PDB file of all heavy atoms in Angstrom:
ATOM      1  N   HIS A   1     105.983-109.530  66.710  1.00  0.00           N
ATOM      2  CA  HIS A   1     105.908-108.252  66.075  1.00  0.00           C
ATOM      3  C   HIS A   1     104.471-107.836  65.767  1.00  0.00           C
ATOM      4  O   HIS A   1     104.238-106.730  65.354  1.00  0.00           O
ATOM      5  CB  HIS A   1     106.731-108.264  64.761  1.00  0.00           C
ATOM      6  CG  HIS A   1     108.179-108.610  64.980  1.00  0.00           C
ATOM      7  ND1 HIS A   1     109.088-107.805  65.632  1.00  0.00           N
ATOM      8  CD2 HIS A   1     108.827-109.747  64.636  1.00  0.00           C
ATOM      9  CE1 HIS A   1     110.255-108.416  65.647  1.00  0.00           C
ATOM     10  NE2 HIS A   1     110.120-109.606  65.049  1.00  0.00           N
ATOM     11  N   LEU A   2     103.537-108.737  65.998  1.00  0.00           N
ATOM     12  CA  LEU A   2     102.138-108.385  65.776  1.00  0.00           C
ATOM     13  C   LEU A   2     101.520-107.568  66.882  1.00  0.00           C
ATOM     14  O   LEU A   2     100.486-106.948  66.723  1.00  0.00           O
ATOM     15  CB  LEU A   2     101.266-109.657  65.617  1.00  0.00           C
ATOM     16  CG  LEU A   2     101.586-110.538  64.364  1.00  0.00           C
ATOM     17  CD1 LEU A   2     100.691-111.772  64.396  1.00  0.00           C
ATOM     18  CD2 LEU A   2     101.368-109.737  63.096  1.00  0.00           C
ATOM     19  N   ARG A   3     102.209-107.501  68.022  1.00  0.00           N
ATOM     20  CA  ARG A   3     101.678-106.770  69.154  1.00  0.00           C
ATOM     21  C   ARG A   3     101.528-105.297  68.844  1.00  0.00           C
ATOM     22  O   ARG A   3     102.414-104.644  68.260  1.00  0.00           O
ATOM     23  CB  ARG A   3     102.603-106.915  70.401  1.00  0.00           C
ATOM     24  CG  ARG A   3     102.153-106.131  71.621  1.00  0.00           C
ATOM     25  CD  ARG A   3     103.226-106.173  72.688  1.00  0.00           C
ATOM     26  NE  ARG A   3     102.960-105.260  73.782  1.00  0.00           N
ATOM     27  CZ  ARG A   3     102.506-105.590  74.984  1.00  0.00           C
ATOM     28  NH1 ARG A   3     102.373-106.873  75.240  1.00  0.00           N
ATOM     29  NH2 ARG A   3     102.296-104.706  75.904  1.00  0.00           N
ATOM     30  N   ILE A   4     100.364-104.767  69.180  1.00  0.00           N
ATOM     31  CA  ILE A   4     100.086-103.339  68.925  1.00  0.00           C
ATOM     32  C   ILE A   4      99.793-102.718  70.265  1.00  0.00           C
ATOM     33  O   ILE A   4      98.870-103.165  71.022  1.00  0.00           O
ATOM     34  CB  ILE A   4      98.855-103.181  68.014  1.00  0.00           C
ATOM     35  CG1 ILE A   4      99.115-103.825  66.690  1.00  0.00           C
ATOM     36  CG2 ILE A   4      98.525-101.693  67.812  1.00  0.00           C
ATOM     37  CD1 ILE A   4      97.927-103.873  65.739  1.00  0.00           C
ATOM     38  N   ASP A   5     100.494-101.618  70.618  1.00  0.00           N
ATOM     39  CA  ASP A   5     100.233-100.858  71.795  1.00  0.00           C
ATOM     40  C   ASP A   5      99.327 -99.718  71.459  1.00  0.00           C
ATOM     41  O   ASP A   5      99.759 -98.637  70.903  1.00  0.00           O
ATOM     42  CB  ASP A   5     101.561-100.341  72.418  1.00  0.00           C
ATOM     43  CG  ASP A   5     102.420-101.476  72.955  1.00  0.00           C
ATOM     44  OD1 ASP A   5     101.847-102.343  73.706  1.00  0.00           O
ATOM     45  OD2 ASP A   5     103.606-101.527  72.657  1.00  0.00           O
ATOM     46  N   VAL A   6      98.053 -99.859  71.740  1.00  0.00           N
ATOM     47  CA  VAL A   6      97.053 -98.807  71.414  1.00  0.00           C
ATOM     48  C   VAL A   6      97.239 -97.553  72.275  1.00  0.00           C
ATOM     49  O   VAL A   6      97.252 -96.456  71.746  1.00  0.00           O
ATOM     50  CB  VAL A   6      95.642 -99.376  71.522  1.00  0.00           C
ATOM     51  CG1 VAL A   6      94.594 -98.340  71.168  1.00  0.00           C
ATOM     52  CG2 VAL A   6      95.434-100.628  70.703  1.00  0.00           C
ATOM     53  N   PHE A   7      97.397 -97.739  73.540  1.00  0.00           N
ATOM     54  CA  PHE A   7      97.730 -96.672  74.439  1.00  0.00           C
ATOM     55  C   PHE A   7      98.376 -97.282  75.677  1.00  0.00           C
ATOM     56  O   PHE A   7      98.348 -98.487  75.884  1.00  0.00           O
ATOM     57  CB  PHE A   7      96.473 -95.855  74.849  1.00  0.00           C
ATOM     58  CG  PHE A   7      95.368 -96.696  75.423  1.00  0.00           C
ATOM     59  CD1 PHE A   7      95.335 -97.020  76.783  1.00  0.00           C
ATOM     60  CD2 PHE A   7      94.317 -97.136  74.602  1.00  0.00           C
ATOM     61  CE1 PHE A   7      94.280 -97.783  77.281  1.00  0.00           C
ATOM     62  CE2 PHE A   7      93.279 -97.940  75.125  1.00  0.00           C
ATOM     63  CZ  PHE A   7      93.268 -98.212  76.465  1.00  0.00           C
ATOM     64  N   THR A   8      99.038 -96.432  76.470  1.00  0.00           N
ATOM     65  CA  THR A   8      99.763 -96.889  77.616  1.00  0.00           C
ATOM     66  C   THR A   8      98.912 -96.732  78.892  1.00  0.00           C
ATOM     67  O   THR A   8      98.335 -95.700  79.096  1.00  0.00           O
ATOM     68  CB  THR A   8     101.070 -96.087  77.786  1.00  0.00           C
ATOM     69  OG1 THR A   8     101.838 -96.182  76.555  1.00  0.00           O
ATOM     70  CG2 THR A   8     101.906 -96.619  78.912  1.00  0.00           C
ATOM     71  N   VAL A   9      98.911 -97.753  79.691  1.00  0.00           N
ATOM     72  CA  VAL A   9      98.149 -97.715  80.956  1.00  0.00           C
ATOM     73  C   VAL A   9      99.129 -97.991  82.105  1.00  0.00           C
ATOM     74  O   VAL A   9     100.016 -98.856  81.962  1.00  0.00           O
ATOM     75  CB  VAL A   9      96.988 -98.743  80.963  1.00  0.00           C
ATOM     76  CG1 VAL A   9      95.944 -98.374  79.909  1.00  0.00           C
ATOM     77  CG2 VAL A   9      97.507-100.147  80.696  1.00  0.00           C
ATOM     78  N   ASP A  10      98.989 -97.220  83.155  1.00  0.00           N
ATOM     79  CA  ASP A  10      99.811 -97.467  84.379  1.00  0.00           C
ATOM     80  C   ASP A  10      99.323 -98.693  85.143  1.00  0.00           C
ATOM     81  O   ASP A  10     100.090 -99.456  85.665  1.00  0.00           O
ATOM     82  CB  ASP A  10      99.800 -96.215  85.239  1.00  0.00           C
ATOM     83  CG  ASP A  10     100.453 -95.039  84.563  1.00  0.00           C
ATOM     84  OD1 ASP A  10     101.394 -95.243  83.793  1.00  0.00           O
ATOM     85  OD2 ASP A  10     100.046 -93.889  84.847  1.00  0.00           O
ATOM     86  N   TYR A  11      97.969 -98.851  85.166  1.00  0.00           N
ATOM     87  CA  TYR A  11      97.362 -99.997  85.864  1.00  0.00           C
ATOM     88  C   TYR A  11      96.283-100.580  84.965  1.00  0.00           C
ATOM     89  O   TYR A  11      95.506 -99.865  84.419  1.00  0.00           O
ATOM     90  CB  TYR A  11      96.782 -99.548  87.189  1.00  0.00           C
ATOM     91  CG  TYR A  11      97.777 -98.906  88.125  1.00  0.00           C
ATOM     92  CD1 TYR A  11      97.840 -97.539  88.258  1.00  0.00           C
ATOM     93  CD2 TYR A  11      98.619 -99.737  88.865  1.00  0.00           C
ATOM     94  CE1 TYR A  11      98.772 -96.945  89.112  1.00  0.00           C
ATOM     95  CE2 TYR A  11      99.500 -99.166  89.779  1.00  0.00           C
ATOM     96  CZ  TYR A  11      99.598 -97.781  89.832  1.00  0.00           C
ATOM     97  OH  TYR A  11     100.541 -97.192  90.717  1.00  0.00           O
ATOM     98  N   PRO A  12      96.258-101.897  84.817  1.00  0.00           N
ATOM     99  CA  PRO A  12      95.225-102.537  83.990  1.00  0.00           C
ATOM    100  C   PRO A  12      93.814-102.252  84.555  1.00  0.00           C
ATOM    101  O   PRO A  12      93.613-102.157  85.769  1.00  0.00           O
ATOM    102  CB  PRO A  12      95.548-104.026  84.040  1.00  0.00           C
ATOM    103  CG  PRO A  12      96.964-104.082  84.530  1.00  0.00           C
ATOM    104  CD  PRO A  12      97.199-102.862  85.405  1.00  0.00           C
ATOM    105  N   LEU A  13      92.842-102.153  83.653  1.00  0.00           N
ATOM    106  CA  LEU A  13      91.468-101.972  84.055  1.00  0.00           C
ATOM    107  C   LEU A  13      90.879-103.346  84.331  1.00  0.00           C
ATOM    108  O   LEU A  13      90.532-104.126  83.445  1.00  0.00           O
ATOM    109  CB  LEU A  13      90.639-101.284  82.915  1.00  0.00           C
ATOM    110  CG  LEU A  13      89.196-101.065  83.222  1.00  0.00           C
ATOM    111  CD1 LEU A  13      88.998-100.162  84.428  1.00  0.00           C
ATOM    112  CD2 LEU A  13      88.480-100.433  81.990  1.00  0.00           C
ATOM    113  N   LEU A  14      90.843-103.687  85.619  1.00  0.00           N
ATOM    114  CA  LEU A  14      90.438-105.052  86.020  1.00  0.00           C
ATOM    115  C   LEU A  14      89.007-105.389  85.652  1.00  0.00           C
ATOM    116  O   LEU A  14      88.727-106.557  85.350  1.00  0.00           O
ATOM    117  CB  LEU A  14      90.625-105.194  87.535  1.00  0.00           C
ATOM    118  CG  LEU A  14      92.064-105.136  88.072  1.00  0.00           C
ATOM    119  CD1 LEU A  14      92.051-105.291  89.588  1.00  0.00           C
ATOM    120  CD2 LEU A  14      92.905-106.258  87.410  1.00  0.00           C
ATOM    121  N   LEU A  15      88.145-104.416  85.564  1.00  0.00           N
ATOM    122  CA  LEU A  15      86.752-104.698  85.216  1.00  0.00           C
ATOM    123  C   LEU A  15      86.665-105.267  83.793  1.00  0.00           C
ATOM    124  O   LEU A  15      85.880-106.205  83.565  1.00  0.00           O
ATOM    125  CB  LEU A  15      85.886-103.447  85.267  1.00  0.00           C
ATOM    126  CG  LEU A  15      84.383-103.583  84.906  1.00  0.00           C
ATOM    127  CD1 LEU A  15      83.729-104.565  85.811  1.00  0.00           C
ATOM    128  CD2 LEU A  15      83.718-102.255  84.908  1.00  0.00           C
ATOM    129  N   ALA A  16      87.527-104.829  82.903  1.00  0.00           N
ATOM    130  CA  ALA A  16      87.500-105.320  81.546  1.00  0.00           C
ATOM    131  C   ALA A  16      88.166-106.690  81.447  1.00  0.00           C
ATOM    132  O   ALA A  16      87.779-107.527  80.605  1.00  0.00           O
ATOM    133  CB  ALA A  16      88.177-104.355  80.573  1.00  0.00           C
ATOM    134  N   ILE A  17      89.165-106.963  82.259  1.00  0.00           N
ATOM    135  CA  ILE A  17      89.916-108.211  82.197  1.00  0.00           C
ATOM    136  C   ILE A  17      89.168-109.368  82.858  1.00  0.00           C
ATOM    137  O   ILE A  17      89.186-110.486  82.355  1.00  0.00           O
ATOM    138  CB  ILE A  17      91.291-108.025  82.843  1.00  0.00           C
ATOM    139  CG1 ILE A  17      92.106-106.965  82.050  1.00  0.00           C
ATOM    140  CG2 ILE A  17      92.091-109.326  82.853  1.00  0.00           C
ATOM    141  CD1 ILE A  17      93.423-106.641  82.671  1.00  0.00           C
ATOM    142  N   LEU A  18      88.512-109.057  83.977  1.00  0.00           N
ATOM    143  CA  LEU A  18      87.840-110.125  84.777  1.00  0.00           C
ATOM    144  C   LEU A  18      86.493-110.471  84.109  1.00  0.00           C
ATOM    145  O   LEU A  18      85.951-109.705  83.310  1.00  0.00           O
ATOM    146  CB  LEU A  18      87.610-109.663  86.177  1.00  0.00           C
ATOM    147  CG  LEU A  18      88.932-109.438  86.992  1.00  0.00           C
ATOM    148  CD1 LEU A  18      88.598-108.876  88.366  1.00  0.00           C
ATOM    149  CD2 LEU A  18      89.745-110.732  87.079  1.00  0.00           C
ATOM    150  N   PRO A  19      85.893-111.664  84.417  1.00  0.00           N
ATOM    151  CA  PRO A  19      84.666-112.111  83.830  1.00  0.00           C
ATOM    152  C   PRO A  19      83.483-111.109  83.873  1.00  0.00           C
ATOM    153  O   PRO A  19      82.729-111.068  82.945  1.00  0.00           O
ATOM    154  CB  PRO A  19      84.352-113.401  84.571  1.00  0.00           C
ATOM    155  CG  PRO A  19      85.709-113.951  84.937  1.00  0.00           C
ATOM    156  CD  PRO A  19      86.557-112.743  85.240  1.00  0.00           C
ATOM    157  N   PRO A  20      83.309-110.358  84.996  1.00  0.00           N
ATOM    158  CA  PRO A  20      82.202-109.396  84.952  1.00  0.00           C
ATOM    159  C   PRO A  20      82.258-108.408  83.784  1.00  0.00           C
ATOM    160  O   PRO A  20      81.244-108.083  83.211  1.00  0.00           O
ATOM    161  CB  PRO A  20      82.346-108.669  86.303  1.00  0.00           C
ATOM    162  CG  PRO A  20      83.016-109.624  87.189  1.00  0.00           C
ATOM    163  CD  PRO A  20      83.960-110.370  86.341  1.00  0.00           C
ATOM    164  N   GLY A  21      83.493-108.000  83.421  1.00  0.00           N
ATOM    165  CA  GLY A  21      83.624-107.147  82.257  1.00  0.00           C
ATOM    166  C   GLY A  21      83.200-107.831  80.943  1.00  0.00           C
ATOM    167  O   GLY A  21      82.705-107.162  80.079  1.00  0.00           O
ATOM    168  N   ALA A  22      83.484-109.132  80.910  1.00  0.00           N
ATOM    169  CA  ALA A  22      83.057-109.865  79.751  1.00  0.00           C
ATOM    170  C   ALA A  22      81.532-109.858  79.557  1.00  0.00           C
ATOM    171  O   ALA A  22      81.012-109.739  78.442  1.00  0.00           O
ATOM    172  CB  ALA A  22      83.565-111.313  79.812  1.00  0.00           C
ATOM    173  N   PHE A  23      80.809-110.020  80.667  1.00  0.00           N
ATOM    174  CA  PHE A  23      79.349-109.951  80.609  1.00  0.00           C
ATOM    175  C   PHE A  23      78.850-108.584  80.105  1.00  0.00           C
ATOM    176  O   PHE A  23      77.947-108.509  79.268  1.00  0.00           O
ATOM    177  CB  PHE A  23      78.738-110.228  81.999  1.00  0.00           C
ATOM    178  CG  PHE A  23      78.612-111.654  82.344  1.00  0.00           C
ATOM    179  CD1 PHE A  23      79.576-112.285  83.128  1.00  0.00           C
ATOM    180  CD2 PHE A  23      77.546-112.388  81.887  1.00  0.00           C
ATOM    181  CE1 PHE A  23      79.456-113.654  83.455  1.00  0.00           C
ATOM    182  CE2 PHE A  23      77.420-113.750  82.203  1.00  0.00           C
ATOM    183  CZ  PHE A  23      78.355-114.368  82.989  1.00  0.00           C
ATOM    184  N   ILE A  24      79.477-107.508  80.570  1.00  0.00           N
ATOM    185  CA  ILE A  24      79.067-106.164  80.170  1.00  0.00           C
ATOM    186  C   ILE A  24      79.329-105.942  78.720  1.00  0.00           C
ATOM    187  O   ILE A  24      78.460-105.495  77.933  1.00  0.00           O
ATOM    188  CB  ILE A  24      79.812-105.125  81.020  1.00  0.00           C
ATOM    189  CG1 ILE A  24      79.410-105.283  82.506  1.00  0.00           C
ATOM    190  CG2 ILE A  24      79.493-103.706  80.513  1.00  0.00           C
ATOM    191  CD1 ILE A  24      80.208-104.386  83.422  1.00  0.00           C
ATOM    192  N   VAL A  25      80.574-106.291  78.229  1.00  0.00           N
ATOM    193  CA  VAL A  25      80.911-106.099  76.828  1.00  0.00           C
ATOM    194  C   VAL A  25      80.011-106.966  75.942  1.00  0.00           C
ATOM    195  O   VAL A  25      79.543-106.530  74.879  1.00  0.00           O
ATOM    196  CB  VAL A  25      82.406-106.371  76.578  1.00  0.00           C
ATOM    197  CG1 VAL A  25      82.753-106.301  75.114  1.00  0.00           C
ATOM    198  CG2 VAL A  25      83.264-105.449  77.402  1.00  0.00           C
ATOM    199  N   MET A  26      79.781-108.211  76.371  1.00  0.00           N
ATOM    200  CA  MET A  26      78.962-109.144  75.575  1.00  0.00           C
ATOM    201  C   MET A  26      77.558-108.567  75.462  1.00  0.00           C
ATOM    202  O   MET A  26      76.871-108.652  74.395  1.00  0.00           O
ATOM    203  CB  MET A  26      78.915-110.487  76.264  1.00  0.00           C
ATOM    204  CG  MET A  26      78.273-111.593  75.382  1.00  0.00           C
ATOM    205  SD  MET A  26      79.227-111.875  73.886  1.00  0.00           S
ATOM    206  CE  MET A  26      78.186-113.099  73.093  1.00  0.00           C
ATOM    207  N   GLY A  27      77.037-107.957  76.516  1.00  0.00           N
ATOM    208  CA  GLY A  27      75.708-107.355  76.469  1.00  0.00           C
ATOM    209  C   GLY A  27      75.630-106.219  75.445  1.00  0.00           C
ATOM    210  O   GLY A  27      74.659-106.124  74.687  1.00  0.00           O
ATOM    211  N   PHE A  28      76.688-105.408  75.353  1.00  0.00           N
ATOM    212  CA  PHE A  28      76.701-104.323  74.378  1.00  0.00           C
ATOM    213  C   PHE A  28      76.793-104.883  72.918  1.00  0.00           C
ATOM    214  O   PHE A  28      76.145-104.334  72.038  1.00  0.00           O
ATOM    215  CB  PHE A  28      77.890-103.403  74.620  1.00  0.00           C
ATOM    216  CG  PHE A  28      77.612-102.370  75.702  1.00  0.00           C
ATOM    217  CD1 PHE A  28      78.184-102.460  76.948  1.00  0.00           C
ATOM    218  CD2 PHE A  28      76.752-101.278  75.450  1.00  0.00           C
ATOM    219  CE1 PHE A  28      77.937-101.477  77.945  1.00  0.00           C
ATOM    220  CE2 PHE A  28      76.498-100.340  76.425  1.00  0.00           C
ATOM    221  CZ  PHE A  28      77.106-100.423  77.663  1.00  0.00           C
ATOM    222  N   ILE A  29      77.546-105.973  72.758  1.00  0.00           N
ATOM    223  CA  ILE A  29      77.655-106.557  71.421  1.00  0.00           C
ATOM    224  C   ILE A  29      76.307-107.131  70.999  1.00  0.00           C
ATOM    225  O   ILE A  29      75.892-106.932  69.846  1.00  0.00           O
ATOM    226  CB  ILE A  29      78.739-107.664  71.395  1.00  0.00           C
ATOM    227  CG1 ILE A  29      80.132-107.074  71.701  1.00  0.00           C
ATOM    228  CG2 ILE A  29      78.701-108.437  70.086  1.00  0.00           C
ATOM    229  CD1 ILE A  29      81.249-108.090  71.787  1.00  0.00           C
ATOM    230  N   ILE A  30      75.639-107.802  71.879  1.00  0.00           N
ATOM    231  CA  ILE A  30      74.304-108.348  71.534  1.00  0.00           C
ATOM    232  C   ILE A  30      73.318-107.213  71.217  1.00  0.00           C
ATOM    233  O   ILE A  30      72.530-107.312  70.324  1.00  0.00           O
ATOM    234  CB  ILE A  30      73.778-109.237  72.656  1.00  0.00           C
ATOM    235  CG1 ILE A  30      74.688-110.518  72.790  1.00  0.00           C
ATOM    236  CG2 ILE A  30      72.350-109.719  72.431  1.00  0.00           C
ATOM    237  CD1 ILE A  30      74.348-111.365  73.981  1.00  0.00           C
ATOM    238  N   ALA A  31      73.359-106.155  72.045  1.00  0.00           N
ATOM    239  CA  ALA A  31      72.494-105.016  71.802  1.00  0.00           C
ATOM    240  C   ALA A  31      72.765-104.370  70.458  1.00  0.00           C
ATOM    241  O   ALA A  31      71.832-103.979  69.751  1.00  0.00           O
ATOM    242  CB  ALA A  31      72.670-103.983  72.969  1.00  0.00           C
ATOM    243  N   LEU A  32      74.024-104.279  70.080  1.00  0.00           N
ATOM    244  CA  LEU A  32      74.372-103.685  68.797  1.00  0.00           C
ATOM    245  C   LEU A  32      73.818-104.525  67.651  1.00  0.00           C
ATOM    246  O   LEU A  32      73.294-104.022  66.653  1.00  0.00           O
ATOM    247  CB  LEU A  32      75.899-103.567  68.643  1.00  0.00           C
ATOM    248  CG  LEU A  32      76.414-103.013  67.328  1.00  0.00           C
ATOM    249  CD1 LEU A  32      75.891-101.613  67.077  1.00  0.00           C
ATOM    250  CD2 LEU A  32      77.984-103.023  67.309  1.00  0.00           C
ATOM    251  N   LYS A  33      73.961-105.869  67.776  1.00  0.00           N
ATOM    252  CA  LYS A  33      73.397-106.755  66.721  1.00  0.00           C
ATOM    253  C   LYS A  33      71.876-106.596  66.629  1.00  0.00           C
ATOM    254  O   LYS A  33      71.337-106.544  65.510  1.00  0.00           O
ATOM    255  CB  LYS A  33      73.731-108.219  67.065  1.00  0.00           C
ATOM    256  CG  LYS A  33      73.208-109.176  65.971  1.00  0.00           C
ATOM    257  CD  LYS A  33      73.284-110.638  66.382  1.00  0.00           C
ATOM    258  CE  LYS A  33      72.762-111.522  65.296  1.00  0.00           C
ATOM    259  NZ  LYS A  33      71.335-111.254  64.986  1.00  0.00           N
ATOM    260  N   ASN A  34      71.209-106.521  67.755  1.00  0.00           N
ATOM    261  CA  ASN A  34      69.757-106.316  67.746  1.00  0.00           C
ATOM    262  C   ASN A  34      69.384-104.990  67.093  1.00  0.00           C
ATOM    263  O   ASN A  34      68.359-104.910  66.355  1.00  0.00           O
ATOM    264  CB  ASN A  34      69.192-106.406  69.124  1.00  0.00           C
ATOM    265  CG  ASN A  34      69.310-107.817  69.731  1.00  0.00           C
ATOM    266  OD1 ASN A  34      69.407-108.806  69.037  1.00  0.00           O
ATOM    267  ND2 ASN A  34      69.293-107.899  71.060  1.00  0.00           N
ATOM    268  N   MET A  35      70.137-103.978  67.339  1.00  0.00           N
ATOM    269  CA  MET A  35      69.853-102.650  66.697  1.00  0.00           C
ATOM    270  C   MET A  35      70.027-102.726  65.179  1.00  0.00           C
ATOM    271  O   MET A  35      69.238-102.202  64.451  1.00  0.00           O
ATOM    272  CB  MET A  35      70.801-101.584  67.319  1.00  0.00           C
ATOM    273  CG  MET A  35      70.480-101.200  68.731  1.00  0.00           C
ATOM    274  SD  MET A  35      71.742-100.049  69.386  1.00  0.00           S
ATOM    275  CE  MET A  35      71.614 -98.693  68.186  1.00  0.00           C
ATOM    276  N   ILE A  36      71.078-103.429  64.741  1.00  0.00           N
ATOM    277  CA  ILE A  36      71.301-103.572  63.312  1.00  0.00           C
ATOM    278  C   ILE A  36      70.158-104.364  62.683  1.00  0.00           C
ATOM    279  O   ILE A  36      69.642-104.009  61.588  1.00  0.00           O
ATOM    280  CB  ILE A  36      72.661-104.262  63.047  1.00  0.00           C
ATOM    281  CG1 ILE A  36      73.807-103.348  63.517  1.00  0.00           C
ATOM    282  CG2 ILE A  36      72.813-104.597  61.569  1.00  0.00           C
ATOM    283  CD1 ILE A  36      75.150-104.018  63.427  1.00  0.00           C
ATOM    284  N   ASP A  37      69.761-105.435  63.326  1.00  0.00           N
ATOM    285  CA  ASP A  37      68.630-106.265  62.787  1.00  0.00           C
ATOM    286  C   ASP A  37      67.342-105.429  62.752  1.00  0.00           C
ATOM    287  O   ASP A  37      66.596-105.492  61.750  1.00  0.00           O
ATOM    288  CB  ASP A  37      68.409-107.485  63.691  1.00  0.00           C
ATOM    289  CG  ASP A  37      69.523-108.547  63.496  1.00  0.00           C
ATOM    290  OD1 ASP A  37      70.203-108.510  62.440  1.00  0.00           O
ATOM    291  OD2 ASP A  37      69.704-109.389  64.391  1.00  0.00           O
ATOM    292  N   HIS A  38      67.105-104.634  63.768  1.00  0.00           N
ATOM    293  CA  HIS A  38      65.886-103.798  63.791  1.00  0.00           C
ATOM    294  C   HIS A  38      65.933-102.762  62.678  1.00  0.00           C
ATOM    295  O   HIS A  38      64.912-102.527  61.994  1.00  0.00           O
ATOM    296  CB  HIS A  38      65.744-103.137  65.128  1.00  0.00           C
ATOM    297  CG  HIS A  38      64.563-102.258  65.312  1.00  0.00           C
ATOM    298  ND1 HIS A  38      63.256-102.757  65.294  1.00  0.00           N
ATOM    299  CD2 HIS A  38      64.390-100.893  65.395  1.00  0.00           C
ATOM    300  CE1 HIS A  38      62.389-101.815  65.422  1.00  0.00           C
ATOM    301  NE2 HIS A  38      63.038-100.648  65.500  1.00  0.00           N
ATOM    302  N   TYR A  39      67.069-102.184  62.469  1.00  0.00           N
ATOM    303  CA  TYR A  39      67.218-101.187  61.410  1.00  0.00           C
ATOM    304  C   TYR A  39      67.005-101.820  60.042  1.00  0.00           C
ATOM    305  O   TYR A  39      66.329-101.222  59.159  1.00  0.00           O
ATOM    306  CB  TYR A  39      68.650-100.548  61.490  1.00  0.00           C
ATOM    307  CG  TYR A  39      68.962 -99.625  60.338  1.00  0.00           C
ATOM    308  CD1 TYR A  39      68.395 -98.333  60.285  1.00  0.00           C
ATOM    309  CD2 TYR A  39      69.813-100.007  59.319  1.00  0.00           C
ATOM    310  CE1 TYR A  39      68.711 -97.472  59.257  1.00  0.00           C
ATOM    311  CE2 TYR A  39      70.072 -99.141  58.249  1.00  0.00           C
ATOM    312  CZ  TYR A  39      69.545 -97.892  58.265  1.00  0.00           C
ATOM    313  OH  TYR A  39      69.820 -97.026  57.207  1.00  0.00           O
ATOM    314  N   ARG A  40      67.534-103.042  59.834  1.00  0.00           N
ATOM    315  CA  ARG A  40      67.394-103.690  58.553  1.00  0.00           C
ATOM    316  C   ARG A  40      65.912-104.064  58.313  1.00  0.00           C
ATOM    317  O   ARG A  40      65.405-104.025  57.173  1.00  0.00           O
ATOM    318  CB  ARG A  40      68.273-104.951  58.511  1.00  0.00           C
ATOM    319  CG  ARG A  40      69.757-104.602  58.460  1.00  0.00           C
ATOM    320  CD  ARG A  40      70.631-105.879  58.601  1.00  0.00           C
ATOM    321  NE  ARG A  40      70.401-106.754  57.477  1.00  0.00           N
ATOM    322  CZ  ARG A  40      70.968-107.954  57.383  1.00  0.00           C
ATOM    323  NH1 ARG A  40      71.805-108.386  58.351  1.00  0.00           N
ATOM    324  NH2 ARG A  40      70.781-108.728  56.358  1.00  0.00           N
ATOM    325  N   GLU A  41      65.214-104.461  59.357  1.00  0.00           N
ATOM    326  CA  GLU A  41      63.812-104.849  59.209  1.00  0.00           C
ATOM    327  C   GLU A  41      62.951-103.537  58.823  1.00  0.00           C
ATOM    328  O   GLU A  41      62.067-103.655  58.002  1.00  0.00           O
ATOM    329  CB  GLU A  41      63.289-105.391  60.540  1.00  0.00           C
ATOM    330  CG  GLU A  41      63.792-106.777  60.850  1.00  0.00           C
ATOM    331  CD  GLU A  41      63.290-107.285  62.182  1.00  0.00           C
ATOM    332  OE1 GLU A  41      62.465-106.574  62.804  1.00  0.00           O
ATOM    333  OE2 GLU A  41      63.687-108.399  62.558  1.00  0.00           O
ATOM    334  N   GLN A  42      63.341-102.416  59.469  1.00  0.00           N
ATOM    335  CA  GLN A  42      62.614-101.196  59.135  1.00  0.00           C
ATOM    336  C   GLN A  42      62.883-100.807  57.676  1.00  0.00           C
ATOM    337  O   GLN A  42      61.945-100.371  56.952  1.00  0.00           O
ATOM    338  CB  GLN A  42      63.014-100.070  60.077  1.00  0.00           C
ATOM    339  CG  GLN A  42      62.469-100.213  61.498  1.00  0.00           C
ATOM    340  CD  GLN A  42      62.777 -99.027  62.345  1.00  0.00           C
ATOM    341  OE1 GLN A  42      63.865 -98.392  62.174  1.00  0.00           O
ATOM    342  NE2 GLN A  42      61.904 -98.685  63.259  1.00  0.00           N
ATOM    343  N   ARG A  43      64.105-100.953  57.225  1.00  0.00           N
ATOM    344  CA  ARG A  43      64.438-100.613  55.859  1.00  0.00           C
ATOM    345  C   ARG A  43      63.706-101.528  54.876  1.00  0.00           C
ATOM    346  O   ARG A  43      63.250-101.101  53.822  1.00  0.00           O
ATOM    347  CB  ARG A  43      65.953-100.725  55.612  1.00  0.00           C
ATOM    348  CG  ARG A  43      66.787 -99.627  56.246  1.00  0.00           C
ATOM    349  CD  ARG A  43      66.560 -98.299  55.532  1.00  0.00           C
ATOM    350  NE  ARG A  43      66.934 -98.407  54.119  1.00  0.00           N
ATOM    351  CZ  ARG A  43      68.178 -98.201  53.648  1.00  0.00           C
ATOM    352  NH1 ARG A  43      69.135 -97.842  54.498  1.00  0.00           N
ATOM    353  NH2 ARG A  43      68.425 -98.291  52.400  1.00  0.00           N
ATOM    354  N   ALA A  44      63.577-102.778  55.234  1.00  0.00           N
ATOM    355  CA  ALA A  44      62.893-103.727  54.362  1.00  0.00           C
ATOM    356  C   ALA A  44      61.392-103.444  54.247  1.00  0.00           C
ATOM    357  O   ALA A  44      60.762-103.780  53.231  1.00  0.00           O
ATOM    358  CB  ALA A  44      63.138-105.175  54.851  1.00  0.00           C
TER     359      ALA A  44
END
């Protein structure tokens, strides 16, 4: 019962499921962390 259907897709987005998609998403997460750190340094 924990399953949540955010939206319905006819075909899975393979780029997100396969390892290349993981590299892309991971890059965005690291970039977001760096932006937050840079913002905090400027505020300090």
